Amino acid sequence: MKPQRNTYKPKVFLLSSFADVGIMNASSYVLLITSPINALLNYLFVYTFNFGLLGAPAATGITYWLSFVLLLGYAKFIDGSGPWGGWSKRAFRGWWLFIQLALMGFLMVGTEWLAFEIITIEAGRLGTIPLAAQSVIATTDQLLNTIPFGLGVAASNRVGNLLGGRRATRAATGANVAAWTSVLFGSIIMIVMLIVRNHYGKLFSVYP
């Protein structure tokens, strides 16, 4: 997982930079290239080369690096490098505010991950079945989290760009639409999970 983490933050930085200047399609173009490559590498590493469990993270790590390189190429040769004016003293202004915001984000995400780790440890102490159940819950949580996460990214970019353009009224409208959309999607997810609650577990185990 370490090679993947080395490219995750720079990739997020590039995507944020694209979003700041209104470039929203770069990640979609890159995903169209890397997604089939990732599927092919997973198949080759796990089944053809018999790497087993190590094959999947290896394939994902290569895909992360490829995504990062393709995003750099997009910024360099297609679009996205215009706002960068090079290194200067001005580039280092306002870093204290940035560091404060980064620390708050670090604490928020760190405590969230810590809570999941504590739950996993405690579930393991309860026995094999509770640990397996917790793994199912964690997997489901990560799967369902992609919907509100994508909505949150889109809303933050939209509202941030509108605020940057001094369009406070439209930014407030966008924030309200995002809030009500999150309530709608949350309700739909809750209803679906309640309906399939007696059958969902069968996707992970053949035992009743």
N, C-alpha and C. Protein backbone atom coordinates (compact mmCIF):
# COMPACT_ATOMS: atom_id res chain seq x y z
N MET A 1 0.81 -1.20 0.00
CA MET A 1 0.00 0.00 0.00
C MET A 1 0.86 1.27 0.00
N LYS A 2 2.11 1.15 0.43
CA LYS A 2 2.95 2.34 0.54
C LYS A 2 3.15 3.03 -0.80
N PRO A 3 3.48 2.31 -1.91
CA PRO A 3 3.62 3.01 -3.19
C PRO A 3 2.36 3.72 -3.63
N GLN A 4 1.18 3.19 -3.26
CA GLN A 4 -0.07 3.84 -3.63
C GLN A 4 -0.20 5.17 -2.90
N ARG A 5 0.13 5.18 -1.60
CA ARG A 5 -0.02 6.39 -0.81
C ARG A 5 0.92 7.48 -1.29
N ASN A 6 2.07 7.11 -1.86
CA ASN A 6 3.03 8.10 -2.32
C ASN A 6 2.47 8.94 -3.46
N THR A 7 1.53 8.40 -4.22
CA THR A 7 0.96 9.13 -5.34
C THR A 7 -0.45 9.65 -5.06
N TYR A 8 -1.07 9.20 -3.98
CA TYR A 8 -2.47 9.59 -3.72
C TYR A 8 -2.58 11.09 -3.47
N LYS A 9 -1.75 11.63 -2.57
CA LYS A 9 -1.83 13.05 -2.24
C LYS A 9 -1.47 13.94 -3.42
N PRO A 10 -0.35 13.67 -4.15
CA PRO A 10 -0.10 14.50 -5.34
C PRO A 10 -1.22 14.44 -6.36
N LYS A 11 -1.84 13.26 -6.50
CA LYS A 11 -2.95 13.15 -7.45
C LYS A 11 -4.13 14.00 -7.02
N VAL A 12 -4.44 13.98 -5.72
CA VAL A 12 -5.53 14.81 -5.20
C VAL A 12 -5.20 16.29 -5.39
N PHE A 13 -3.93 16.65 -5.18
CA PHE A 13 -3.51 18.04 -5.39
C PHE A 13 -3.73 18.47 -6.84
N LEU A 14 -3.37 17.60 -7.78
CA LEU A 14 -3.57 17.92 -9.19
C LEU A 14 -5.05 18.08 -9.52
N LEU A 15 -5.88 17.15 -9.00
CA LEU A 15 -7.31 17.24 -9.27
C LEU A 15 -7.91 18.52 -8.67
N SER A 16 -7.45 18.90 -7.47
CA SER A 16 -7.92 20.15 -6.85
C SER A 16 -7.49 21.35 -7.68
N SER A 17 -6.27 21.30 -8.21
CA SER A 17 -5.79 22.40 -9.05
C SER A 17 -6.62 22.51 -10.32
N PHE A 18 -6.96 21.38 -10.92
CA PHE A 18 -7.82 21.40 -12.10
C PHE A 18 -9.19 21.99 -11.76
N ALA A 19 -9.74 21.57 -10.63
CA ALA A 19 -11.07 22.06 -10.24
C ALA A 19 -11.06 23.56 -9.97
N ASP A 20 -9.95 24.07 -9.45
CA ASP A 20 -9.87 25.50 -9.15
C ASP A 20 -9.97 26.36 -10.40
N VAL A 21 -9.56 25.84 -11.51
CA VAL A 21 -9.62 26.61 -12.76
C VAL A 21 -10.73 26.12 -13.68
N GLY A 22 -11.65 25.32 -13.12
CA GLY A 22 -12.83 24.90 -13.87
C GLY A 22 -12.63 23.73 -14.80
N ILE A 23 -11.54 22.96 -14.62
CA ILE A 23 -11.30 21.77 -15.44
C ILE A 23 -11.81 20.55 -14.68
N MET A 24 -12.95 20.04 -15.07
CA MET A 24 -13.59 18.94 -14.34
C MET A 24 -13.49 17.59 -15.05
N ASN A 25 -13.06 17.59 -16.31
CA ASN A 25 -13.10 16.36 -17.09
C ASN A 25 -11.77 15.60 -17.12
N ALA A 26 -10.71 16.19 -16.58
CA ALA A 26 -9.40 15.55 -16.67
C ALA A 26 -9.39 14.18 -16.00
N SER A 27 -9.96 14.09 -14.80
CA SER A 27 -9.97 12.81 -14.09
C SER A 27 -10.81 11.77 -14.83
N SER A 28 -11.88 12.20 -15.49
CA SER A 28 -12.72 11.26 -16.24
C SER A 28 -11.95 10.69 -17.43
N TYR A 29 -11.21 11.54 -18.12
CA TYR A 29 -10.42 11.06 -19.26
C TYR A 29 -9.35 10.06 -18.79
N VAL A 30 -8.71 10.38 -17.66
CA VAL A 30 -7.68 9.49 -17.14
C VAL A 30 -8.29 8.16 -16.70
N LEU A 31 -9.46 8.20 -16.06
CA LEU A 31 -10.12 6.97 -15.63
C LEU A 31 -10.51 6.09 -16.80
N LEU A 32 -10.89 6.69 -17.91
CA LEU A 32 -11.23 5.89 -19.09
C LEU A 32 -10.03 5.09 -19.58
N ILE A 33 -8.84 5.60 -19.32
CA ILE A 33 -7.63 4.89 -19.73
C ILE A 33 -7.17 3.90 -18.67
N THR A 34 -7.17 4.33 -17.41
CA THR A 34 -6.58 3.51 -16.35
C THR A 34 -7.50 2.41 -15.83
N SER A 35 -8.82 2.59 -15.91
CA SER A 35 -9.73 1.57 -15.37
C SER A 35 -9.59 0.23 -16.08
N PRO A 36 -9.63 0.17 -17.43
CA PRO A 36 -9.42 -1.14 -18.07
C PRO A 36 -8.02 -1.68 -17.84
N ILE A 37 -7.03 -0.80 -17.74
CA ILE A 37 -5.66 -1.25 -17.45
C ILE A 37 -5.59 -1.87 -16.06
N ASN A 38 -6.29 -1.26 -15.11
CA ASN A 38 -6.32 -1.79 -13.75
C ASN A 38 -6.97 -3.17 -13.71
N ALA A 39 -8.07 -3.33 -14.42
CA ALA A 39 -8.74 -4.64 -14.46
C ALA A 39 -7.84 -5.69 -15.09
N LEU A 40 -7.15 -5.33 -16.17
CA LEU A 40 -6.25 -6.27 -16.83
C LEU A 40 -5.08 -6.65 -15.93
N LEU A 41 -4.49 -5.65 -15.25
CA LEU A 41 -3.36 -5.94 -14.36
C LEU A 41 -3.79 -6.81 -13.18
N ASN A 42 -4.97 -6.57 -12.65
CA ASN A 42 -5.47 -7.41 -11.56
C ASN A 42 -5.59 -8.86 -12.01
N TYR A 43 -6.14 -9.06 -13.20
CA TYR A 43 -6.30 -10.43 -13.70
C TYR A 43 -4.94 -11.08 -13.93
N LEU A 44 -4.02 -10.35 -14.54
CA LEU A 44 -2.71 -10.92 -14.82
C LEU A 44 -1.94 -11.24 -13.55
N PHE A 45 -1.94 -10.30 -12.59
CA PHE A 45 -1.14 -10.50 -11.39
C PHE A 45 -1.73 -11.57 -10.48
N VAL A 46 -3.06 -11.62 -10.38
CA VAL A 46 -3.69 -12.55 -9.44
C VAL A 46 -3.77 -13.96 -10.03
N TYR A 47 -4.17 -14.07 -11.31
CA TYR A 47 -4.44 -15.38 -11.88
C TYR A 47 -3.32 -15.88 -12.80
N THR A 48 -2.83 -15.03 -13.69
CA THR A 48 -1.83 -15.48 -14.65
C THR A 48 -0.46 -15.67 -14.00
N PHE A 49 -0.01 -14.65 -13.25
CA PHE A 49 1.31 -14.71 -12.61
C PHE A 49 1.27 -15.31 -11.21
N ASN A 50 0.06 -15.64 -10.73
CA ASN A 50 -0.13 -16.32 -9.44
C ASN A 50 0.51 -15.55 -8.28
N PHE A 51 0.33 -14.23 -8.27
CA PHE A 51 0.80 -13.43 -7.14
C PHE A 51 -0.12 -13.54 -5.93
N GLY A 52 -1.33 -14.04 -6.14
CA GLY A 52 -2.28 -14.18 -5.04
C GLY A 52 -2.76 -12.85 -4.52
N LEU A 53 -2.84 -12.75 -3.18
CA LEU A 53 -3.36 -11.52 -2.57
C LEU A 53 -2.48 -10.32 -2.82
N LEU A 54 -1.21 -10.54 -3.08
CA LEU A 54 -0.30 -9.43 -3.35
C LEU A 54 -0.51 -8.84 -4.75
N GLY A 55 -1.18 -9.57 -5.62
CA GLY A 55 -1.36 -9.09 -6.97
C GLY A 55 -2.27 -7.88 -7.06
N ALA A 56 -3.35 -7.88 -6.25
CA ALA A 56 -4.32 -6.77 -6.32
C ALA A 56 -3.70 -5.44 -5.89
N PRO A 57 -3.04 -5.35 -4.72
CA PRO A 57 -2.42 -4.07 -4.36
C PRO A 57 -1.31 -3.65 -5.31
N ALA A 58 -0.59 -4.62 -5.88
CA ALA A 58 0.46 -4.29 -6.85
C ALA A 58 -0.15 -3.66 -8.10
N ALA A 59 -1.25 -4.24 -8.58
CA ALA A 59 -1.92 -3.69 -9.75
C ALA A 59 -2.49 -2.30 -9.46
N THR A 60 -3.05 -2.14 -8.27
CA THR A 60 -3.60 -0.83 -7.89
C THR A 60 -2.50 0.21 -7.77
N GLY A 61 -1.36 -0.18 -7.21
CA GLY A 61 -0.25 0.75 -7.09
C GLY A 61 0.25 1.23 -8.44
N ILE A 62 0.37 0.31 -9.40
CA ILE A 62 0.80 0.69 -10.74
C ILE A 62 -0.23 1.62 -11.38
N THR A 63 -1.50 1.33 -11.16
CA THR A 63 -2.56 2.17 -11.73
C THR A 63 -2.52 3.57 -11.14
N TYR A 64 -2.26 3.69 -9.83
CA TYR A 64 -2.15 5.00 -9.19
C TYR A 64 -1.01 5.81 -9.81
N TRP A 65 0.13 5.17 -9.98
CA TRP A 65 1.27 5.88 -10.57
C TRP A 65 0.95 6.29 -12.01
N LEU A 66 0.30 5.42 -12.76
CA LEU A 66 -0.06 5.75 -14.13
C LEU A 66 -1.04 6.92 -14.18
N SER A 67 -2.01 6.94 -13.26
CA SER A 67 -2.96 8.05 -13.19
C SER A 67 -2.25 9.36 -12.91
N PHE A 68 -1.32 9.31 -11.97
CA PHE A 68 -0.57 10.52 -11.62
C PHE A 68 0.23 11.04 -12.82
N VAL A 69 0.90 10.15 -13.53
CA VAL A 69 1.69 10.55 -14.70
C VAL A 69 0.79 11.11 -15.80
N LEU A 70 -0.36 10.48 -16.03
CA LEU A 70 -1.27 10.96 -17.06
C LEU A 70 -1.85 12.33 -16.71
N LEU A 71 -2.14 12.56 -15.43
CA LEU A 71 -2.63 13.87 -15.02
C LEU A 71 -1.56 14.94 -15.21
N LEU A 72 -0.31 14.60 -14.90
CA LEU A 72 0.78 15.54 -15.16
C LEU A 72 0.89 15.85 -16.65
N GLY A 73 0.78 14.81 -17.48
CA GLY A 73 0.83 15.01 -18.91
C GLY A 73 -0.33 15.86 -19.42
N TYR A 74 -1.51 15.66 -18.84
CA TYR A 74 -2.67 16.47 -19.22
C TYR A 74 -2.43 17.94 -18.91
N ALA A 75 -1.89 18.19 -17.71
CA ALA A 75 -1.62 19.58 -17.31
C ALA A 75 -0.53 20.22 -18.17
N LYS A 76 0.45 19.41 -18.56
CA LYS A 76 1.58 19.95 -19.32
C LYS A 76 1.25 20.19 -20.78
N PHE A 77 0.57 19.24 -21.42
CA PHE A 77 0.42 19.28 -22.87
C PHE A 77 -0.98 19.64 -23.34
N ILE A 78 -1.99 19.55 -22.46
CA ILE A 78 -3.36 19.81 -22.92
C ILE A 78 -3.92 21.07 -22.26
N ASP A 79 -4.14 21.02 -20.96
CA ASP A 79 -4.74 22.17 -20.27
C ASP A 79 -4.48 22.05 -18.78
N GLY A 80 -4.33 23.18 -18.11
CA GLY A 80 -4.18 23.17 -16.67
C GLY A 80 -2.93 23.83 -16.15
N SER A 81 -1.95 24.06 -17.01
CA SER A 81 -0.69 24.64 -16.55
C SER A 81 -0.68 26.16 -16.64
N GLY A 82 -1.72 26.75 -17.22
CA GLY A 82 -1.76 28.20 -17.40
C GLY A 82 -1.66 29.01 -16.12
N PRO A 83 -2.43 28.67 -15.05
CA PRO A 83 -2.37 29.49 -13.83
C PRO A 83 -1.04 29.42 -13.09
N TRP A 84 -0.20 28.43 -13.37
CA TRP A 84 1.06 28.30 -12.65
C TRP A 84 2.08 29.29 -13.20
N GLY A 85 2.51 30.19 -12.36
CA GLY A 85 3.45 31.22 -12.79
C GLY A 85 4.88 30.96 -12.40
N GLY A 86 5.16 29.78 -11.84
CA GLY A 86 6.52 29.47 -11.44
C GLY A 86 6.77 29.80 -9.97
N TRP A 87 7.96 29.43 -9.50
CA TRP A 87 8.32 29.67 -8.10
C TRP A 87 8.73 31.13 -7.90
N SER A 88 8.20 31.72 -6.83
CA SER A 88 8.55 33.08 -6.45
C SER A 88 8.21 33.26 -4.98
N LYS A 89 8.57 34.41 -4.41
CA LYS A 89 8.24 34.68 -3.01
C LYS A 89 6.73 34.72 -2.79
N ARG A 90 6.01 35.14 -3.81
CA ARG A 90 4.56 35.23 -3.69
C ARG A 90 3.92 33.86 -3.51
N ALA A 91 4.60 32.81 -4.05
CA ALA A 91 4.05 31.46 -3.95
C ALA A 91 4.01 30.96 -2.51
N PHE A 92 4.80 31.58 -1.62
CA PHE A 92 4.86 31.13 -0.23
C PHE A 92 4.04 32.00 0.71
N ARG A 93 3.25 32.91 0.18
CA ARG A 93 2.39 33.74 1.02
C ARG A 93 1.13 32.98 1.41
N GLY A 94 0.63 33.27 2.59
CA GLY A 94 -0.62 32.68 3.05
C GLY A 94 -0.52 31.22 3.46
N TRP A 95 0.70 30.72 3.69
CA TRP A 95 0.86 29.32 4.03
C TRP A 95 0.37 28.99 5.43
N TRP A 96 0.42 29.96 6.35
CA TRP A 96 -0.01 29.68 7.72
C TRP A 96 -1.49 29.32 7.75
N LEU A 97 -2.30 30.07 7.01
CA LEU A 97 -3.73 29.74 6.94
C LEU A 97 -3.94 28.38 6.31
N PHE A 98 -3.17 28.08 5.27
CA PHE A 98 -3.26 26.77 4.62
C PHE A 98 -2.89 25.65 5.59
N ILE A 99 -1.84 25.86 6.37
CA ILE A 99 -1.40 24.84 7.33
C ILE A 99 -2.46 24.63 8.40
N GLN A 100 -3.10 25.71 8.86
CA GLN A 100 -4.16 25.57 9.86
C GLN A 100 -5.32 24.72 9.32
N LEU A 101 -5.73 25.02 8.10
CA LEU A 101 -6.81 24.23 7.50
C LEU A 101 -6.39 22.78 7.31
N ALA A 102 -5.13 22.58 6.90
CA ALA A 102 -4.64 21.21 6.69
C ALA A 102 -4.61 20.43 7.99
N LEU A 103 -4.22 21.08 9.08
CA LEU A 103 -4.17 20.40 10.38
C LEU A 103 -5.57 19.99 10.83
N MET A 104 -6.55 20.86 10.62
CA MET A 104 -7.92 20.50 10.98
C MET A 104 -8.42 19.32 10.15
N GLY A 105 -8.10 19.34 8.87
CA GLY A 105 -8.49 18.21 8.03
C GLY A 105 -7.78 16.92 8.44
N PHE A 106 -6.49 17.05 8.81
CA PHE A 106 -5.73 15.88 9.26
C PHE A 106 -6.34 15.29 10.53
N LEU A 107 -6.72 16.14 11.48
CA LEU A 107 -7.33 15.65 12.72
C LEU A 107 -8.68 15.00 12.45
N MET A 108 -9.46 15.59 11.56
CA MET A 108 -10.78 15.05 11.28
C MET A 108 -10.68 13.67 10.62
N VAL A 109 -9.85 13.56 9.57
CA VAL A 109 -9.72 12.28 8.88
C VAL A 109 -9.00 11.26 9.75
N GLY A 110 -7.97 11.71 10.49
CA GLY A 110 -7.22 10.80 11.35
C GLY A 110 -8.08 10.19 12.44
N THR A 111 -8.91 11.00 13.09
CA THR A 111 -9.78 10.46 14.14
C THR A 111 -10.83 9.52 13.56
N GLU A 112 -11.29 9.81 12.32
CA GLU A 112 -12.26 8.91 11.69
C GLU A 112 -11.62 7.55 11.43
N TRP A 113 -10.43 7.54 10.86
CA TRP A 113 -9.75 6.27 10.60
C TRP A 113 -9.42 5.55 11.90
N LEU A 114 -9.03 6.31 12.92
CA LEU A 114 -8.72 5.71 14.21
C LEU A 114 -9.94 5.02 14.79
N ALA A 115 -11.11 5.64 14.63
CA ALA A 115 -12.33 5.03 15.14
C ALA A 115 -12.60 3.69 14.45
N PHE A 116 -12.39 3.63 13.14
CA PHE A 116 -12.58 2.36 12.43
C PHE A 116 -11.59 1.31 12.90
N GLU A 117 -10.35 1.70 13.16
CA GLU A 117 -9.35 0.74 13.63
C GLU A 117 -9.72 0.21 15.02
N ILE A 118 -10.19 1.08 15.88
CA ILE A 118 -10.59 0.66 17.23
C ILE A 118 -11.76 -0.32 17.16
N ILE A 119 -12.72 -0.02 16.29
CA ILE A 119 -13.87 -0.92 16.13
C ILE A 119 -13.42 -2.29 15.63
N THR A 120 -12.48 -2.30 14.68
CA THR A 120 -11.99 -3.57 14.15
C THR A 120 -11.28 -4.38 15.24
N ILE A 121 -10.45 -3.71 16.04
CA ILE A 121 -9.73 -4.39 17.12
C ILE A 121 -10.71 -4.98 18.13
N GLU A 122 -11.70 -4.20 18.53
CA GLU A 122 -12.67 -4.67 19.52
C GLU A 122 -13.52 -5.80 18.95
N ALA A 123 -13.87 -5.70 17.65
CA ALA A 123 -14.64 -6.79 17.03
C ALA A 123 -13.83 -8.07 17.00
N GLY A 124 -12.53 -7.96 16.77
CA GLY A 124 -11.67 -9.14 16.78
C GLY A 124 -11.60 -9.80 18.15
N ARG A 125 -11.71 -9.01 19.19
CA ARG A 125 -11.69 -9.57 20.54
C ARG A 125 -12.97 -10.32 20.87
N LEU A 126 -14.05 -9.99 20.17
CA LEU A 126 -15.34 -10.64 20.42
C LEU A 126 -15.43 -12.02 19.77
N GLY A 127 -14.62 -12.26 18.73
CA GLY A 127 -14.65 -13.56 18.08
C GLY A 127 -14.63 -13.45 16.57
N THR A 128 -14.62 -14.60 15.92
CA THR A 128 -14.51 -14.65 14.46
C THR A 128 -15.75 -14.10 13.77
N ILE A 129 -16.92 -14.48 14.26
CA ILE A 129 -18.16 -14.05 13.62
C ILE A 129 -18.36 -12.54 13.74
N PRO A 130 -18.20 -11.94 14.93
CA PRO A 130 -18.32 -10.48 15.00
C PRO A 130 -17.30 -9.75 14.12
N LEU A 131 -16.07 -10.30 14.02
CA LEU A 131 -15.06 -9.68 13.17
C LEU A 131 -15.47 -9.76 11.69
N ALA A 132 -16.02 -10.90 11.29
CA ALA A 132 -16.49 -11.04 9.91
C ALA A 132 -17.65 -10.09 9.62
N ALA A 133 -18.56 -9.96 10.60
CA ALA A 133 -19.68 -9.04 10.42
C ALA A 133 -19.19 -7.60 10.31
N GLN A 134 -18.20 -7.25 11.13
CA GLN A 134 -17.66 -5.90 11.06
C GLN A 134 -16.98 -5.65 9.72
N SER A 135 -16.33 -6.67 9.16
CA SER A 135 -15.70 -6.53 7.85
C SER A 135 -16.74 -6.26 6.76
N VAL A 136 -17.88 -6.95 6.86
CA VAL A 136 -18.96 -6.72 5.91
C VAL A 136 -19.48 -5.29 6.03
N ILE A 137 -19.65 -4.83 7.27
CA ILE A 137 -20.13 -3.46 7.49
C ILE A 137 -19.14 -2.44 6.95
N ALA A 138 -17.84 -2.68 7.20
CA ALA A 138 -16.82 -1.74 6.73
C ALA A 138 -16.77 -1.70 5.20
N THR A 139 -16.90 -2.88 4.57
CA THR A 139 -16.90 -2.93 3.11
C THR A 139 -18.11 -2.20 2.55
N THR A 140 -19.27 -2.42 3.15
CA THR A 140 -20.49 -1.74 2.71
C THR A 140 -20.39 -0.24 2.89
N ASP A 141 -19.80 0.16 4.02
CA ASP A 141 -19.63 1.59 4.28
C ASP A 141 -18.76 2.24 3.22
N GLN A 142 -17.65 1.59 2.86
CA GLN A 142 -16.77 2.14 1.83
C GLN A 142 -17.46 2.20 0.48
N LEU A 143 -18.28 1.19 0.19
CA LEU A 143 -19.00 1.16 -1.08
C LEU A 143 -20.03 2.28 -1.17
N LEU A 144 -20.84 2.41 -0.12
CA LEU A 144 -21.88 3.42 -0.12
C LEU A 144 -21.32 4.83 0.03
N ASN A 145 -20.11 4.93 0.59
CA ASN A 145 -19.51 6.24 0.80
C ASN A 145 -19.15 6.92 -0.52
N THR A 146 -19.02 6.13 -1.59
CA THR A 146 -18.64 6.74 -2.87
C THR A 146 -19.71 7.70 -3.39
N ILE A 147 -20.97 7.45 -3.04
CA ILE A 147 -22.05 8.32 -3.53
C ILE A 147 -22.00 9.70 -2.86
N PRO A 148 -22.06 9.78 -1.52
CA PRO A 148 -21.98 11.12 -0.90
C PRO A 148 -20.62 11.77 -1.08
N PHE A 149 -19.55 10.97 -1.20
CA PHE A 149 -18.23 11.56 -1.40
C PHE A 149 -18.16 12.27 -2.75
N GLY A 150 -18.65 11.62 -3.79
CA GLY A 150 -18.68 12.26 -5.10
C GLY A 150 -19.55 13.51 -5.11
N LEU A 151 -20.69 13.43 -4.42
CA LEU A 151 -21.58 14.59 -4.32
C LEU A 151 -20.89 15.73 -3.58
N GLY A 152 -20.17 15.38 -2.51
CA GLY A 152 -19.48 16.41 -1.73
C GLY A 152 -18.38 17.09 -2.52
N VAL A 153 -17.62 16.31 -3.29
CA VAL A 153 -16.55 16.89 -4.12
C VAL A 153 -17.14 17.83 -5.16
N ALA A 154 -18.21 17.38 -5.82
CA ALA A 154 -18.83 18.23 -6.84
C ALA A 154 -19.40 19.51 -6.23
N ALA A 155 -20.04 19.37 -5.07
CA ALA A 155 -20.63 20.54 -4.42
C ALA A 155 -19.56 21.52 -3.94
N SER A 156 -18.49 21.00 -3.35
CA SER A 156 -17.44 21.89 -2.84
C SER A 156 -16.76 22.64 -3.99
N ASN A 157 -16.53 21.95 -5.11
CA ASN A 157 -15.94 22.63 -6.26
C ASN A 157 -16.87 23.71 -6.81
N ARG A 158 -18.14 23.36 -6.91
CA ARG A 158 -19.12 24.30 -7.46
C ARG A 158 -19.25 25.53 -6.56
N VAL A 159 -19.44 25.31 -5.28
CA VAL A 159 -19.62 26.42 -4.34
C VAL A 159 -18.33 27.24 -4.24
N GLY A 160 -17.18 26.55 -4.20
CA GLY A 160 -15.91 27.27 -4.11
C GLY A 160 -15.66 28.15 -5.31
N ASN A 161 -15.94 27.63 -6.51
CA ASN A 161 -15.74 28.45 -7.71
C ASN A 161 -16.69 29.64 -7.76
N LEU A 162 -17.91 29.44 -7.30
CA LEU A 162 -18.87 30.55 -7.28
C LEU A 162 -18.47 31.61 -6.25
N LEU A 163 -17.99 31.17 -5.10
CA LEU A 163 -17.52 32.14 -4.11
C LEU A 163 -16.29 32.89 -4.62
N GLY A 164 -15.41 32.15 -5.29
CA GLY A 164 -14.24 32.80 -5.87
C GLY A 164 -14.61 33.82 -6.93
N GLY A 165 -15.72 33.57 -7.62
CA GLY A 165 -16.20 34.50 -8.62
C GLY A 165 -17.11 35.57 -8.04
N ARG A 166 -17.21 35.64 -6.71
CA ARG A 166 -18.03 36.64 -6.00
C ARG A 166 -19.50 36.56 -6.40
N ARG A 167 -19.98 35.32 -6.49
CA ARG A 167 -21.40 35.09 -6.77
C ARG A 167 -22.01 34.40 -5.55
N ALA A 168 -22.18 35.17 -4.49
CA ALA A 168 -22.60 34.61 -3.22
C ALA A 168 -24.00 34.00 -3.29
N THR A 169 -24.89 34.63 -4.02
CA THR A 169 -26.27 34.13 -4.09
C THR A 169 -26.31 32.76 -4.77
N ARG A 170 -25.60 32.63 -5.89
CA ARG A 170 -25.58 31.35 -6.59
C ARG A 170 -24.83 30.29 -5.77
N ALA A 171 -23.81 30.72 -5.00
CA ALA A 171 -23.10 29.77 -4.14
C ALA A 171 -24.03 29.24 -3.06
N ALA A 172 -24.85 30.13 -2.47
CA ALA A 172 -25.80 29.70 -1.45
C ALA A 172 -26.83 28.74 -2.04
N THR A 173 -27.27 29.02 -3.26
CA THR A 173 -28.21 28.11 -3.93
C THR A 173 -27.59 26.75 -4.17
N GLY A 174 -26.34 26.74 -4.63
CA GLY A 174 -25.64 25.48 -4.85
C GLY A 174 -25.47 24.68 -3.57
N ALA A 175 -25.15 25.37 -2.46
CA ALA A 175 -24.99 24.69 -1.19
C ALA A 175 -26.32 24.09 -0.72
N ASN A 176 -27.41 24.83 -0.89
CA ASN A 176 -28.72 24.31 -0.49
C ASN A 176 -29.13 23.10 -1.35
N VAL A 177 -28.86 23.19 -2.64
CA VAL A 177 -29.18 22.05 -3.53
C VAL A 177 -28.37 20.82 -3.12
N ALA A 178 -27.09 21.03 -2.80
CA ALA A 178 -26.25 19.91 -2.38
C ALA A 178 -26.76 19.29 -1.09
N ALA A 179 -27.18 20.13 -0.15
CA ALA A 179 -27.69 19.63 1.13
C ALA A 179 -28.94 18.78 0.94
N TRP A 180 -29.89 19.29 0.16
CA TRP A 180 -31.13 18.54 -0.06
C TRP A 180 -30.89 17.29 -0.91
N THR A 181 -29.93 17.36 -1.84
CA THR A 181 -29.60 16.17 -2.63
C THR A 181 -28.99 15.09 -1.75
N SER A 182 -28.16 15.50 -0.79
CA SER A 182 -27.57 14.52 0.13
C SER A 182 -28.64 13.86 0.99
N VAL A 183 -29.65 14.63 1.41
CA VAL A 183 -30.76 14.05 2.17
C VAL A 183 -31.52 13.04 1.31
N LEU A 184 -31.73 13.39 0.04
CA LEU A 184 -32.46 12.50 -0.87
C LEU A 184 -31.70 11.19 -1.08
N PHE A 185 -30.40 11.28 -1.40
CA PHE A 185 -29.62 10.08 -1.63
C PHE A 185 -29.48 9.26 -0.34
N GLY A 186 -29.32 9.94 0.79
CA GLY A 186 -29.24 9.23 2.05
C GLY A 186 -30.50 8.45 2.35
N SER A 187 -31.65 9.05 2.06
CA SER A 187 -32.93 8.37 2.28
C SER A 187 -33.09 7.16 1.36
N ILE A 188 -32.68 7.33 0.10
CA ILE A 188 -32.77 6.22 -0.85
C ILE A 188 -31.88 5.06 -0.41
N ILE A 189 -30.65 5.37 0.00
CA ILE A 189 -29.73 4.32 0.45
C ILE A 189 -30.28 3.61 1.68
N MET A 190 -30.85 4.38 2.61
CA MET A 190 -31.40 3.78 3.83
C MET A 190 -32.55 2.84 3.50
N ILE A 191 -33.45 3.28 2.61
CA ILE A 191 -34.60 2.45 2.25
C ILE A 191 -34.15 1.17 1.56
N VAL A 192 -33.19 1.28 0.64
CA VAL A 192 -32.69 0.09 -0.07
C VAL A 192 -32.05 -0.88 0.91
N MET A 193 -31.23 -0.40 1.83
CA MET A 193 -30.57 -1.28 2.78
C MET A 193 -31.57 -1.94 3.72
N LEU A 194 -32.64 -1.24 4.08
CA LEU A 194 -33.67 -1.84 4.93
C LEU A 194 -34.41 -2.95 4.18
N ILE A 195 -34.63 -2.74 2.88
CA ILE A 195 -35.35 -3.73 2.09
C ILE A 195 -34.54 -5.01 1.93
N VAL A 196 -33.23 -4.87 1.71
CA VAL A 196 -32.39 -6.04 1.41
C VAL A 196 -31.64 -6.54 2.64
N ARG A 197 -32.00 -6.09 3.83
CA ARG A 197 -31.23 -6.43 5.03
C ARG A 197 -31.19 -7.93 5.31
N ASN A 198 -32.23 -8.66 4.92
CA ASN A 198 -32.26 -10.10 5.19
C ASN A 198 -31.57 -10.92 4.11
N HIS A 199 -31.16 -10.28 3.03
CA HIS A 199 -30.54 -11.00 1.92
C HIS A 199 -29.12 -10.50 1.62
N TYR A 200 -28.79 -9.34 2.11
CA TYR A 200 -27.50 -8.72 1.76
C TYR A 200 -26.31 -9.55 2.25
N GLY A 201 -26.43 -10.12 3.41
CA GLY A 201 -25.34 -10.91 3.98
C GLY A 201 -24.97 -12.12 3.16
N LYS A 202 -25.91 -12.63 2.34
CA LYS A 202 -25.65 -13.80 1.53
C LYS A 202 -24.63 -13.52 0.41
N LEU A 203 -24.38 -12.24 0.12
CA LEU A 203 -23.37 -11.90 -0.85
C LEU A 203 -21.96 -12.19 -0.33
N PHE A 204 -21.82 -12.25 0.99
CA PHE A 204 -20.51 -12.44 1.62
C PHE A 204 -20.31 -13.82 2.21
N SER A 205 -21.39 -14.56 2.43
CA SER A 205 -21.26 -15.87 3.05
C SER A 205 -22.43 -16.77 2.64
N VAL A 206 -22.14 -18.07 2.56
CA VAL A 206 -23.18 -19.04 2.23
C VAL A 206 -23.89 -19.55 3.47
N TYR A 207 -23.37 -19.19 4.66
CA TYR A 207 -23.95 -19.66 5.89
C TYR A 207 -25.11 -18.74 6.29
N PRO A 208 -26.16 -19.30 6.87
CA PRO A 208 -27.32 -18.49 7.25
C PRO A 208 -26.99 -17.59 8.46
